[in-house]
Every structure is written in C-alpha cells, then in structure tokens.
Amino acid sequence: RPTMEEQCRRIRATAAAAAVPLYVSLISGGVAGTTVDVVLFPLDTIKTRLQAPEGFMKSGGFNGLFKGVSAAAVGSAPGASLFFMSYETAKQNLEPRMESAPVAHMAAASLGEVAACVVRVPTEIIKQRMQANMFPTAQGALRNVLDTEGVLGLWRGYGSTVAREIPFSLIQFPLYEHLKKVWAASKASGELRPYESALCGSVSGAFSAAVTTPLDVVKTRLMLGADKAGVAYDGMASTFRRVVADEGAAALFKGVQPRVMWISIGGFFFFGAYEGTKASLMGM
C-alpha cells in the first residue's frame, strides 16, 4: 500500500501532466471568445433590445443587429483569455487540494469571472448602449460615458455583472465538467473529441442561461443607465424591485428565448473552439 508521501507525489504528478500552459489558455480562450461573440452577435442584440426599458421596437427592432459588434470584438479576446487563464490556473491548483471536484470547479470559475469582468464590463457598456440605439458609434458612446460619469462610469454595473456571471459559472462549469466526465467514462478511449465537449458546453450553457436570466435583465438595465422616463437605475436590489413593480415579475425573463438560444449555440462553438484550439496547441 503506498505511503501518504507517495500518494501526494502521484497527485502532484497527475496535476502537472494535465497542466495547461498559460499561453495555451490565453490563445484558446481568445479564439473561442471572439468566434462566438462576433458570429452570434445578432442574437445578443435581440436579447438586449427585448430587455431594454423602451421595449424592443423603440430600441431598434430587427434593424442594425450588428450595432456594437466592434466593442464586443475588442473585449472578446482579452476577456475570454483572462477568464480561461484564471480558470485553468485555479482549477489545476485547487483540484489536488480539494476532495470535491465540483467545488474546485466552482471556485475556479468564480475567480475567472472576477478577473475577466475587469476587461469585459467597459466594452459591454459601450456595446449595449449601441445595441439599444442610444449611440450610433462606439466613440460617441465612450465619450458620453466619460463626460457624464467619468472613468469609473466604464465599470458601471461591474458588481451586477459579476453577480450574474458567478451564479452562471457556478452552474455551467461544474455541469460542463460533470457531463464531460460521465461521457468520457462511457467511451473505450476515455477521452472526448472537441465536438463532444462542445455538446456538453451547449447543454450546460442553455440550462445556466435560463436560470440566470433575471440577473441578466437587472445587469442590462443598470448598464443602459435609466428607464424610459429618464430615471437612473441604482443598485441591483433597487433595480430588481423597480422592474417587478413597474412591469411585473415576468419582465425578469425578458429575452430568455434568444439568451438561451445564443448561449446554447454559443456554448457549442465556444467550448468546441476552446477545446479544439487547446488540443492543437498541446499537441504541437
């Protein structure tokens, strides 16, 4: 029977063998994030306009569905790269030290979101204000934020974004890792192909998207700044209460269909691109 020291040595060796280099996480995350955000941008625009206080048609309807795509493209690669770099690093360090793999995945995903949102939130604000037809150009939206709210205005809604992303990731990533583990265990090779990992990402993303839609509605309202009467939204709890009081509880699920569709399809391409790029780089 192996001694405790030998068991620890084996655990460290296994973790080291599975370790993903930082440059692999950076490149794989960047490729995956940019691919999904640009290709599926129209669905994100429809979702944002459905959630806007002015309503879908007044926010632009089906016109200009790629408004804000430049801001999304700028933030996609660094945001996704920073997330996966943090996630993979935290996962590799936590898994050998924690008895529960899902808890390690939850903690790693949470750390990844806190880091990624530092980059993601400013571009998300510019993107959503353009999507809601508030500004025709990214430069105009940026200038307005700086003039009216100062530099810190670029991080308006950071707390609500993290509060949306962490619950989303707490559901999505442990479910994603679990689905991969169960599926891989049923295969003779014990390994999944990138498209199979992509399917796991699609299922976990769709479920997580539906459950966290109310948090997404609150985040969108905070980022857009004010309701249709021009009264500013202030804080998550206050915005949540105002949406329910003014529009009813059903308003918390505005945009749920395109959100689920976008993240389900996006999850397939996102995790497929990530796992495929990672496998290619690790095999070099």
C-alpha atoms as a PDB file:
ATOM      1  CA  ARG A   1       0.000   0.000   0.000  1.00  0.00           C
ATOM      2  CA  PRO A   2       1.503   3.400  -0.987  1.00  0.00           C
ATOM      3  CA  THR A   3       2.502   5.769   1.786  1.00  0.00           C
ATOM      4  CA  MET A   4       0.898   9.197   2.202  1.00  0.00           C
ATOM      5  CA  GLU A   5       4.002  10.817   0.699  1.00  0.00           C
ATOM      6  CA  GLU A   6       3.805   8.565  -2.368  1.00  0.00           C
ATOM      7  CA  GLN A   7       0.097   9.339  -2.790  1.00  0.00           C
ATOM      8  CA  CYS A   8       0.804  13.077  -2.636  1.00  0.00           C
ATOM      9  CA  ARG A   9       3.617  12.671  -5.171  1.00  0.00           C
ATOM     10  CA  ARG A  10       1.254  10.853  -7.556  1.00  0.00           C
ATOM     11  CA  ILE A  11      -1.396  13.558  -7.175  1.00  0.00           C
ATOM     12  CA  ARG A  12       1.156  16.285  -7.945  1.00  0.00           C
ATOM     13  CA  ALA A  13       2.456  14.329 -10.948  1.00  0.00           C
ATOM     14  CA  THR A  14      -1.066  13.833 -12.308  1.00  0.00           C
ATOM     15  CA  ALA A  15      -1.852  17.520 -11.891  1.00  0.00           C
ATOM     16  CA  ALA A  16       1.394  18.514 -13.583  1.00  0.00           C
ATOM     17  CA  ALA A  17       0.741  16.170 -16.504  1.00  0.00           C
ATOM     18  CA  ALA A  18      -2.715  17.688 -17.013  1.00  0.00           C
ATOM     19  CA  ALA A  19      -1.495  21.248 -16.551  1.00  0.00           C
ATOM     20  CA  VAL A  20      -2.452  23.654 -19.312  1.00  0.00           C
ATOM     21  CA  PRO A  21       0.291  26.229 -20.063  1.00  0.00           C
ATOM     22  CA  LEU A  22      -0.781  29.862 -19.693  1.00  0.00           C
ATOM     23  CA  TYR A  23      -0.158  30.675 -23.350  1.00  0.00           C
ATOM     24  CA  VAL A  24      -2.497  27.823 -24.362  1.00  0.00           C
ATOM     25  CA  SER A  25      -5.292  29.193 -22.156  1.00  0.00           C
ATOM     26  CA  LEU A  26      -4.717  32.717 -23.497  1.00  0.00           C
ATOM     27  CA  ILE A  27      -4.800  31.740 -27.173  1.00  0.00           C
ATOM     28  CA  SER A  28      -7.586  29.147 -26.861  1.00  0.00           C
ATOM     29  CA  GLY A  29      -9.779  31.482 -24.821  1.00  0.00           C
ATOM     30  CA  GLY A  30      -9.196  34.374 -27.207  1.00  0.00           C
ATOM     31  CA  VAL A  31     -10.079  32.319 -30.287  1.00  0.00           C
ATOM     32  CA  ALA A  32     -13.201  30.878 -28.638  1.00  0.00           C
ATOM     33  CA  GLY A  33     -14.468  34.190 -27.245  1.00  0.00           C
ATOM     34  CA  THR A  34     -14.020  36.191 -30.435  1.00  0.00           C
ATOM     35  CA  THR A  35     -15.563  33.482 -32.636  1.00  0.00           C
ATOM     36  CA  VAL A  36     -18.754  33.234 -30.591  1.00  0.00           C
ATOM     37  CA  ASP A  37     -19.250  36.922 -29.807  1.00  0.00           C
ATOM     38  CA  VAL A  38     -18.930  38.019 -33.437  1.00  0.00           C
ATOM     39  CA  VAL A  39     -20.817  35.167 -35.154  1.00  0.00           C
ATOM     40  CA  LEU A  40     -23.778  35.177 -32.744  1.00  0.00           C
ATOM     41  CA  PHE A  41     -23.860  38.931 -32.131  1.00  0.00           C
ATOM     42  CA  PRO A  42     -27.347  39.455 -33.682  1.00  0.00           C
ATOM     43  CA  LEU A  43     -28.937  37.141 -31.082  1.00  0.00           C
ATOM     44  CA  ASP A  44     -27.271  39.129 -28.304  1.00  0.00           C
ATOM     45  CA  THR A  45     -28.611  42.370 -29.815  1.00  0.00           C
ATOM     46  CA  ILE A  46     -32.165  40.985 -29.947  1.00  0.00           C
ATOM     47  CA  LYS A  47     -31.860  39.892 -26.306  1.00  0.00           C
ATOM     48  CA  THR A  48     -30.603  43.319 -25.210  1.00  0.00           C
ATOM     49  CA  ARG A  49     -33.398  45.144 -27.052  1.00  0.00           C
ATOM     50  CA  LEU A  50     -36.042  42.883 -25.528  1.00  0.00           C
ATOM     51  CA  GLN A  51     -34.660  43.733 -22.082  1.00  0.00           C
ATOM     52  CA  ALA A  52     -34.350  47.497 -22.727  1.00  0.00           C
ATOM     53  CA  PRO A  53     -36.875  49.668 -20.798  1.00  0.00           C
ATOM     54  CA  GLU A  54     -38.050  51.343 -24.044  1.00  0.00           C
ATOM     55  CA  GLY A  55     -39.055  47.985 -25.483  1.00  0.00           C
ATOM     56  CA  PHE A  56     -37.878  46.001 -28.487  1.00  0.00           C
ATOM     57  CA  MET A  57     -39.139  48.138 -31.392  1.00  0.00           C
ATOM     58  CA  LYS A  58     -38.149  51.524 -29.925  1.00  0.00           C
ATOM     59  CA  SER A  59     -34.677  50.161 -29.242  1.00  0.00           C
ATOM     60  CA  GLY A  60     -34.217  49.300 -32.915  1.00  0.00           C
ATOM     61  CA  GLY A  61     -36.224  46.136 -33.535  1.00  0.00           C
ATOM     62  CA  PHE A  62     -34.555  43.971 -36.154  1.00  0.00           C
ATOM     63  CA  ASN A  63     -32.596  46.856 -37.674  1.00  0.00           C
ATOM     64  CA  GLY A  64     -28.829  47.173 -37.258  1.00  0.00           C
ATOM     65  CA  LEU A  65     -28.353  43.869 -35.461  1.00  0.00           C
ATOM     66  CA  PHE A  66     -24.567  44.247 -35.645  1.00  0.00           C
ATOM     67  CA  LYS A  67     -24.532  47.626 -33.875  1.00  0.00           C
ATOM     68  CA  GLY A  68     -21.863  47.466 -31.189  1.00  0.00           C
ATOM     69  CA  VAL A  69     -20.047  44.481 -32.682  1.00  0.00           C
ATOM     70  CA  SER A  70     -16.796  46.471 -32.779  1.00  0.00           C
ATOM     71  CA  ALA A  71     -16.909  46.986 -29.000  1.00  0.00           C
ATOM     72  CA  ALA A  72     -17.712  43.309 -28.483  1.00  0.00           C
ATOM     73  CA  ALA A  73     -14.818  42.253 -30.709  1.00  0.00           C
ATOM     74  CA  VAL A  74     -12.381  44.467 -28.790  1.00  0.00           C
ATOM     75  CA  GLY A  75     -13.353  42.930 -25.446  1.00  0.00           C
ATOM     76  CA  SER A  76     -13.913  39.319 -26.517  1.00  0.00           C
ATOM     77  CA  ALA A  77     -10.370  38.031 -26.861  1.00  0.00           C
ATOM     78  CA  PRO A  78      -8.826  39.630 -23.736  1.00  0.00           C
ATOM     79  CA  GLY A  79     -11.913  38.872 -21.609  1.00  0.00           C
ATOM     80  CA  ALA A  80     -12.125  35.206 -22.609  1.00  0.00           C
ATOM     81  CA  SER A  81      -8.345  34.784 -22.432  1.00  0.00           C
ATOM     82  CA  LEU A  82      -8.213  36.253 -18.931  1.00  0.00           C
ATOM     83  CA  PHE A  83     -11.101  34.045 -17.815  1.00  0.00           C
ATOM     84  CA  PHE A  84      -9.606  30.777 -19.044  1.00  0.00           C
ATOM     85  CA  MET A  85      -6.105  31.652 -17.870  1.00  0.00           C
ATOM     86  CA  SER A  86      -7.507  32.277 -14.362  1.00  0.00           C
ATOM     87  CA  TYR A  87      -9.877  29.292 -14.524  1.00  0.00           C
ATOM     88  CA  GLU A  88      -7.301  26.730 -15.664  1.00  0.00           C
ATOM     89  CA  THR A  89      -4.671  28.007 -13.214  1.00  0.00           C
ATOM     90  CA  ALA A  90      -7.091  27.957 -10.273  1.00  0.00           C
ATOM     91  CA  LYS A  91      -8.512  24.555 -11.273  1.00  0.00           C
ATOM     92  CA  GLN A  92      -5.052  22.979 -11.503  1.00  0.00           C
ATOM     93  CA  ASN A  93      -4.129  24.329  -8.070  1.00  0.00           C
ATOM     94  CA  LEU A  94      -7.427  23.569  -6.338  1.00  0.00           C
ATOM     95  CA  GLU A  95      -8.305  20.090  -7.654  1.00  0.00           C
ATOM     96  CA  PRO A  96      -5.379  18.261  -5.942  1.00  0.00           C
ATOM     97  CA  ARG A  97      -6.155  20.052  -2.657  1.00  0.00           C
ATOM     98  CA  MET A  98      -9.943  19.645  -2.527  1.00  0.00           C
ATOM     99  CA  GLU A  99     -11.943  16.462  -2.064  1.00  0.00           C
ATOM    100  CA  SER A 100     -14.833  17.687  -4.224  1.00  0.00           C
ATOM    101  CA  ALA A 101     -14.030  18.367  -7.889  1.00  0.00           C
ATOM    102  CA  PRO A 102     -17.292  20.328  -8.483  1.00  0.00           C
ATOM    103  CA  VAL A 103     -16.418  22.691  -5.617  1.00  0.00           C
ATOM    104  CA  ALA A 104     -12.957  23.218  -7.118  1.00  0.00           C
ATOM    105  CA  HIS A 105     -14.551  23.981 -10.500  1.00  0.00           C
ATOM    106  CA  MET A 106     -16.999  26.424  -8.878  1.00  0.00           C
ATOM    107  CA  ALA A 107     -14.225  28.274  -7.068  1.00  0.00           C
ATOM    108  CA  ALA A 108     -12.044  28.366 -10.191  1.00  0.00           C
ATOM    109  CA  ALA A 109     -14.909  29.666 -12.338  1.00  0.00           C
ATOM    110  CA  SER A 110     -15.740  32.377  -9.790  1.00  0.00           C
ATOM    111  CA  LEU A 111     -12.139  33.602  -9.730  1.00  0.00           C
ATOM    112  CA  GLY A 112     -12.092  33.567 -13.515  1.00  0.00           C
ATOM    113  CA  GLU A 113     -15.228  35.720 -13.739  1.00  0.00           C
ATOM    114  CA  VAL A 114     -13.989  38.303 -11.223  1.00  0.00           C
ATOM    115  CA  ALA A 115     -10.819  38.724 -13.295  1.00  0.00           C
ATOM    116  CA  ALA A 116     -12.469  38.679 -16.737  1.00  0.00           C
ATOM    117  CA  CYS A 117     -15.163  41.222 -15.832  1.00  0.00           C
ATOM    118  CA  VAL A 118     -12.495  43.888 -15.280  1.00  0.00           C
ATOM    119  CA  VAL A 119     -11.947  43.794 -19.054  1.00  0.00           C
ATOM    120  CA  ARG A 120     -15.439  42.740 -20.119  1.00  0.00           C
ATOM    121  CA  VAL A 121     -17.582  45.380 -18.375  1.00  0.00           C
ATOM    122  CA  PRO A 122     -16.316  48.554 -20.148  1.00  0.00           C
ATOM    123  CA  THR A 123     -16.787  47.008 -23.596  1.00  0.00           C
ATOM    124  CA  GLU A 124     -20.151  45.563 -22.526  1.00  0.00           C
ATOM    125  CA  ILE A 125     -21.394  49.036 -21.549  1.00  0.00           C
ATOM    126  CA  ILE A 126     -20.400  50.546 -24.909  1.00  0.00           C
ATOM    127  CA  LYS A 127     -21.799  47.548 -26.785  1.00  0.00           C
ATOM    128  CA  GLN A 128     -25.185  47.525 -25.049  1.00  0.00           C
ATOM    129  CA  ARG A 129     -25.745  51.269 -25.378  1.00  0.00           C
ATOM    130  CA  MET A 130     -25.129  50.952 -29.104  1.00  0.00           C
ATOM    131  CA  GLN A 131     -27.362  47.876 -29.339  1.00  0.00           C
ATOM    132  CA  ALA A 132     -30.193  49.789 -27.621  1.00  0.00           C
ATOM    133  CA  ASN A 133     -29.863  52.527 -30.280  1.00  0.00           C
ATOM    134  CA  MET A 134     -28.647  55.110 -27.759  1.00  0.00           C
ATOM    135  CA  PHE A 135     -25.497  55.939 -29.765  1.00  0.00           C
ATOM    136  CA  PRO A 136     -24.563  55.337 -33.424  1.00  0.00           C
ATOM    137  CA  THR A 137     -20.827  54.845 -32.801  1.00  0.00           C
ATOM    138  CA  ALA A 138     -18.573  53.308 -30.169  1.00  0.00           C
ATOM    139  CA  GLN A 139     -16.617  56.571 -29.938  1.00  0.00           C
ATOM    140  CA  GLY A 140     -19.805  58.518 -29.202  1.00  0.00           C
ATOM    141  CA  ALA A 141     -20.898  56.069 -26.513  1.00  0.00           C
ATOM    142  CA  LEU A 142     -17.441  56.114 -24.919  1.00  0.00           C
ATOM    143  CA  ARG A 143     -17.254  59.914 -24.974  1.00  0.00           C
ATOM    144  CA  ASN A 144     -20.711  60.197 -23.363  1.00  0.00           C
ATOM    145  CA  VAL A 145     -19.786  57.824 -20.541  1.00  0.00           C
ATOM    146  CA  LEU A 146     -16.550  59.700 -19.821  1.00  0.00           C
ATOM    147  CA  ASP A 147     -18.250  63.129 -19.982  1.00  0.00           C
ATOM    148  CA  THR A 148     -21.274  62.263 -17.832  1.00  0.00           C
ATOM    149  CA  GLU A 149     -19.988  59.575 -15.458  1.00  0.00           C
ATOM    150  CA  GLY A 150     -16.200  59.831 -15.528  1.00  0.00           C
ATOM    151  CA  VAL A 151     -13.744  56.978 -15.986  1.00  0.00           C
ATOM    152  CA  LEU A 152     -15.439  54.902 -13.283  1.00  0.00           C
ATOM    153  CA  GLY A 153     -18.611  55.026 -15.375  1.00  0.00           C
ATOM    154  CA  LEU A 154     -16.963  52.446 -17.635  1.00  0.00           C
ATOM    155  CA  TRP A 155     -17.308  49.976 -14.780  1.00  0.00           C
ATOM    156  CA  ARG A 156     -20.932  50.853 -14.008  1.00  0.00           C
ATOM    157  CA  GLY A 157     -22.641  47.545 -13.415  1.00  0.00           C
ATOM    158  CA  TYR A 158     -19.410  45.682 -12.587  1.00  0.00           C
ATOM    159  CA  GLY A 159     -20.984  44.325  -9.409  1.00  0.00           C
ATOM    160  CA  SER A 160     -24.179  43.256 -11.192  1.00  0.00           C
ATOM    161  CA  THR A 161     -22.156  41.652 -13.996  1.00  0.00           C
ATOM    162  CA  VAL A 162     -20.073  39.651 -11.525  1.00  0.00           C
ATOM    163  CA  ALA A 163     -23.286  38.817  -9.624  1.00  0.00           C
ATOM    164  CA  ARG A 164     -24.723  37.449 -12.880  1.00  0.00           C
ATOM    165  CA  GLU A 165     -21.596  35.703 -14.135  1.00  0.00           C
ATOM    166  CA  ILE A 166     -20.641  33.919 -10.915  1.00  0.00           C
ATOM    167  CA  PRO A 167     -24.009  32.118 -10.464  1.00  0.00           C
ATOM    168  CA  PHE A 168     -23.947  31.340 -14.198  1.00  0.00           C
ATOM    169  CA  SER A 169     -20.452  29.862 -13.952  1.00  0.00           C
ATOM    170  CA  LEU A 170     -21.241  28.073 -10.672  1.00  0.00           C
ATOM    171  CA  ILE A 171     -23.894  26.167 -12.605  1.00  0.00           C
ATOM    172  CA  GLN A 172     -22.303  25.929 -16.046  1.00  0.00           C
ATOM    173  CA  PHE A 173     -18.730  24.831 -15.372  1.00  0.00           C
ATOM    174  CA  PRO A 174     -19.331  22.062 -12.797  1.00  0.00           C
ATOM    175  CA  LEU A 175     -22.159  20.785 -15.038  1.00  0.00           C
ATOM    176  CA  TYR A 176     -19.882  21.014 -18.092  1.00  0.00           C
ATOM    177  CA  GLU A 177     -17.046  19.158 -16.335  1.00  0.00           C
ATOM    178  CA  HIS A 178     -19.502  16.540 -14.981  1.00  0.00           C
ATOM    179  CA  LEU A 179     -21.083  15.886 -18.390  1.00  0.00           C
ATOM    180  CA  LYS A 180     -17.623  15.501 -19.931  1.00  0.00           C
ATOM    181  CA  LYS A 181     -16.539  13.115 -17.172  1.00  0.00           C
ATOM    182  CA  VAL A 182     -19.651  10.916 -17.480  1.00  0.00           C
ATOM    183  CA  TRP A 183     -19.477  10.816 -21.276  1.00  0.00           C
ATOM    184  CA  ALA A 184     -15.733  10.101 -21.318  1.00  0.00           C
ATOM    185  CA  ALA A 185     -16.216   7.254 -18.820  1.00  0.00           C
ATOM    186  CA  SER A 186     -18.644   5.580 -21.235  1.00  0.00           C
ATOM    187  CA  LYS A 187     -16.088   5.571 -24.064  1.00  0.00           C
ATOM    188  CA  ALA A 188     -13.381   2.965 -24.559  1.00  0.00           C
ATOM    189  CA  SER A 189     -10.764   5.655 -25.164  1.00  0.00           C
ATOM    190  CA  GLY A 190     -11.793   7.581 -22.052  1.00  0.00           C
ATOM    191  CA  GLU A 191     -11.439  10.838 -23.995  1.00  0.00           C
ATOM    192  CA  LEU A 192     -13.851  13.183 -25.743  1.00  0.00           C
ATOM    193  CA  ARG A 193     -13.423  14.764 -29.137  1.00  0.00           C
ATOM    194  CA  PRO A 194     -13.751  18.570 -29.345  1.00  0.00           C
ATOM    195  CA  TYR A 195     -17.284  18.362 -30.812  1.00  0.00           C
ATOM    196  CA  GLU A 196     -18.372  16.115 -27.925  1.00  0.00           C
ATOM    197  CA  SER A 197     -17.008  18.609 -25.398  1.00  0.00           C
ATOM    198  CA  ALA A 198     -18.849  21.269 -27.405  1.00  0.00           C
ATOM    199  CA  LEU A 199     -22.168  19.444 -26.939  1.00  0.00           C
ATOM    200  CA  CYS A 200     -21.552  19.325 -23.179  1.00  0.00           C
ATOM    201  CA  GLY A 201     -20.901  23.069 -23.281  1.00  0.00           C
ATOM    202  CA  SER A 202     -24.123  23.661 -25.211  1.00  0.00           C
ATOM    203  CA  VAL A 203     -26.312  21.755 -22.733  1.00  0.00           C
ATOM    204  CA  SER A 204     -24.694  23.279 -19.647  1.00  0.00           C
ATOM    205  CA  GLY A 205     -24.877  26.762 -21.190  1.00  0.00           C
ATOM    206  CA  ALA A 206     -28.562  26.547 -22.111  1.00  0.00           C
ATOM    207  CA  PHE A 207     -29.594  25.465 -18.620  1.00  0.00           C
ATOM    208  CA  SER A 208     -27.417  28.080 -16.911  1.00  0.00           C
ATOM    209  CA  ALA A 209     -28.694  30.839 -19.215  1.00  0.00           C
ATOM    210  CA  ALA A 210     -32.353  30.158 -18.448  1.00  0.00           C
ATOM    211  CA  VAL A 211     -31.842  30.077 -14.682  1.00  0.00           C
ATOM    212  CA  THR A 212     -29.823  33.319 -14.542  1.00  0.00           C
ATOM    213  CA  THR A 213     -31.939  35.444 -16.932  1.00  0.00           C
ATOM    214  CA  PRO A 214     -33.364  37.662 -14.121  1.00  0.00           C
ATOM    215  CA  LEU A 215     -29.808  38.638 -13.155  1.00  0.00           C
ATOM    216  CA  ASP A 216     -29.078  39.414 -16.803  1.00  0.00           C
ATOM    217  CA  VAL A 217     -32.137  41.691 -17.056  1.00  0.00           C
ATOM    218  CA  VAL A 218     -31.039  43.643 -13.965  1.00  0.00           C
ATOM    219  CA  LYS A 219     -27.479  43.903 -15.308  1.00  0.00           C
ATOM    220  CA  THR A 220     -28.710  45.180 -18.677  1.00  0.00           C
ATOM    221  CA  ARG A 221     -30.897  47.866 -17.074  1.00  0.00           C
ATOM    222  CA  LEU A 222     -28.005  49.078 -14.917  1.00  0.00           C
ATOM    223  CA  MET A 223     -25.673  49.269 -17.916  1.00  0.00           C
ATOM    224  CA  LEU A 224     -28.202  51.150 -20.054  1.00  0.00           C
ATOM    225  CA  GLY A 225     -28.366  53.680 -17.225  1.00  0.00           C
ATOM    226  CA  ALA A 226     -32.011  54.787 -16.902  1.00  0.00           C
ATOM    227  CA  ASP A 227     -35.624  53.774 -17.518  1.00  0.00           C
ATOM    228  CA  LYS A 228     -37.764  55.203 -20.332  1.00  0.00           C
ATOM    229  CA  ALA A 229     -38.711  58.172 -18.114  1.00  0.00           C
ATOM    230  CA  GLY A 230     -35.025  59.010 -17.691  1.00  0.00           C
ATOM    231  CA  VAL A 231     -34.839  57.946 -14.024  1.00  0.00           C
ATOM    232  CA  ALA A 232     -31.462  56.322 -13.360  1.00  0.00           C
ATOM    233  CA  TYR A 233     -31.226  52.759 -12.119  1.00  0.00           C
ATOM    234  CA  ASP A 234     -29.192  52.499  -8.931  1.00  0.00           C
ATOM    235  CA  GLY A 235     -28.047  49.203  -7.459  1.00  0.00           C
ATOM    236  CA  MET A 236     -29.086  45.611  -8.084  1.00  0.00           C
ATOM    237  CA  ALA A 237     -31.707  45.264  -5.365  1.00  0.00           C
ATOM    238  CA  SER A 238     -33.342  48.591  -6.240  1.00  0.00           C
ATOM    239  CA  THR A 239     -33.378  47.790  -9.976  1.00  0.00           C
ATOM    240  CA  PHE A 240     -34.819  44.331  -9.302  1.00  0.00           C
ATOM    241  CA  ARG A 241     -37.670  45.836  -7.244  1.00  0.00           C
ATOM    242  CA  ARG A 242     -38.373  48.560  -9.824  1.00  0.00           C
ATOM    243  CA  VAL A 243     -38.586  46.101 -12.710  1.00  0.00           C
ATOM    244  CA  VAL A 244     -41.040  43.904 -10.788  1.00  0.00           C
ATOM    245  CA  ALA A 245     -43.102  46.877  -9.529  1.00  0.00           C
ATOM    246  CA  ASP A 246     -43.289  48.660 -12.906  1.00  0.00           C
ATOM    247  CA  GLU A 247     -43.512  45.729 -15.307  1.00  0.00           C
ATOM    248  CA  GLY A 248     -44.377  42.623 -13.306  1.00  0.00           C
ATOM    249  CA  ALA A 249     -42.309  39.572 -12.384  1.00  0.00           C
ATOM    250  CA  ALA A 250     -42.487  38.242 -15.959  1.00  0.00           C
ATOM    251  CA  ALA A 251     -40.265  41.158 -17.055  1.00  0.00           C
ATOM    252  CA  LEU A 252     -37.361  39.459 -15.264  1.00  0.00           C
ATOM    253  CA  PHE A 253     -37.422  36.834 -18.012  1.00  0.00           C
ATOM    254  CA  LYS A 254     -37.491  39.234 -20.953  1.00  0.00           C
ATOM    255  CA  GLY A 255     -35.166  37.967 -23.646  1.00  0.00           C
ATOM    256  CA  VAL A 256     -34.913  34.470 -22.164  1.00  0.00           C
ATOM    257  CA  GLN A 257     -35.506  32.741 -25.535  1.00  0.00           C
ATOM    258  CA  PRO A 258     -32.748  34.490 -27.528  1.00  0.00           C
ATOM    259  CA  ARG A 259     -30.480  34.340 -24.452  1.00  0.00           C
ATOM    260  CA  VAL A 260     -30.872  30.555 -24.169  1.00  0.00           C
ATOM    261  CA  MET A 261     -30.515  30.128 -27.941  1.00  0.00           C
ATOM    262  CA  TRP A 262     -27.466  32.408 -28.084  1.00  0.00           C
ATOM    263  CA  ILE A 263     -25.677  30.757 -25.156  1.00  0.00           C
ATOM    264  CA  SER A 264     -26.657  27.225 -26.201  1.00  0.00           C
ATOM    265  CA  ILE A 265     -25.323  27.687 -29.742  1.00  0.00           C
ATOM    266  CA  GLY A 266     -22.515  29.843 -28.384  1.00  0.00           C
ATOM    267  CA  GLY A 267     -21.626  27.200 -25.812  1.00  0.00           C
ATOM    268  CA  PHE A 268     -21.221  24.633 -28.578  1.00  0.00           C
ATOM    269  CA  PHE A 269     -18.888  26.820 -30.632  1.00  0.00           C
ATOM    270  CA  PHE A 270     -17.173  28.359 -27.586  1.00  0.00           C
ATOM    271  CA  PHE A 271     -16.183  25.114 -25.893  1.00  0.00           C
ATOM    272  CA  GLY A 272     -15.600  23.415 -29.236  1.00  0.00           C
ATOM    273  CA  ALA A 273     -13.228  26.180 -30.328  1.00  0.00           C
ATOM    274  CA  TYR A 274     -11.559  26.261 -26.913  1.00  0.00           C
ATOM    275  CA  GLU A 275     -11.032  22.504 -26.611  1.00  0.00           C
ATOM    276  CA  GLY A 276     -10.060  22.195 -30.294  1.00  0.00           C
ATOM    277  CA  THR A 277      -7.520  25.016 -30.129  1.00  0.00           C
ATOM    278  CA  LYS A 278      -6.186  23.726 -26.810  1.00  0.00           C
ATOM    279  CA  ALA A 279      -5.777  20.194 -28.200  1.00  0.00           C
ATOM    280  CA  SER A 280      -3.956  21.549 -31.265  1.00  0.00           C
ATOM    281  CA  LEU A 281      -1.587  23.682 -29.196  1.00  0.00           C
ATOM    282  CA  MET A 282      -0.925  20.948 -26.620  1.00  0.00           C
ATOM    283  CA  GLY A 283      -0.123  18.536 -29.455  1.00  0.00           C
ATOM    284  CA  MET A 284       2.460  20.846 -31.037  1.00  0.00           C
END
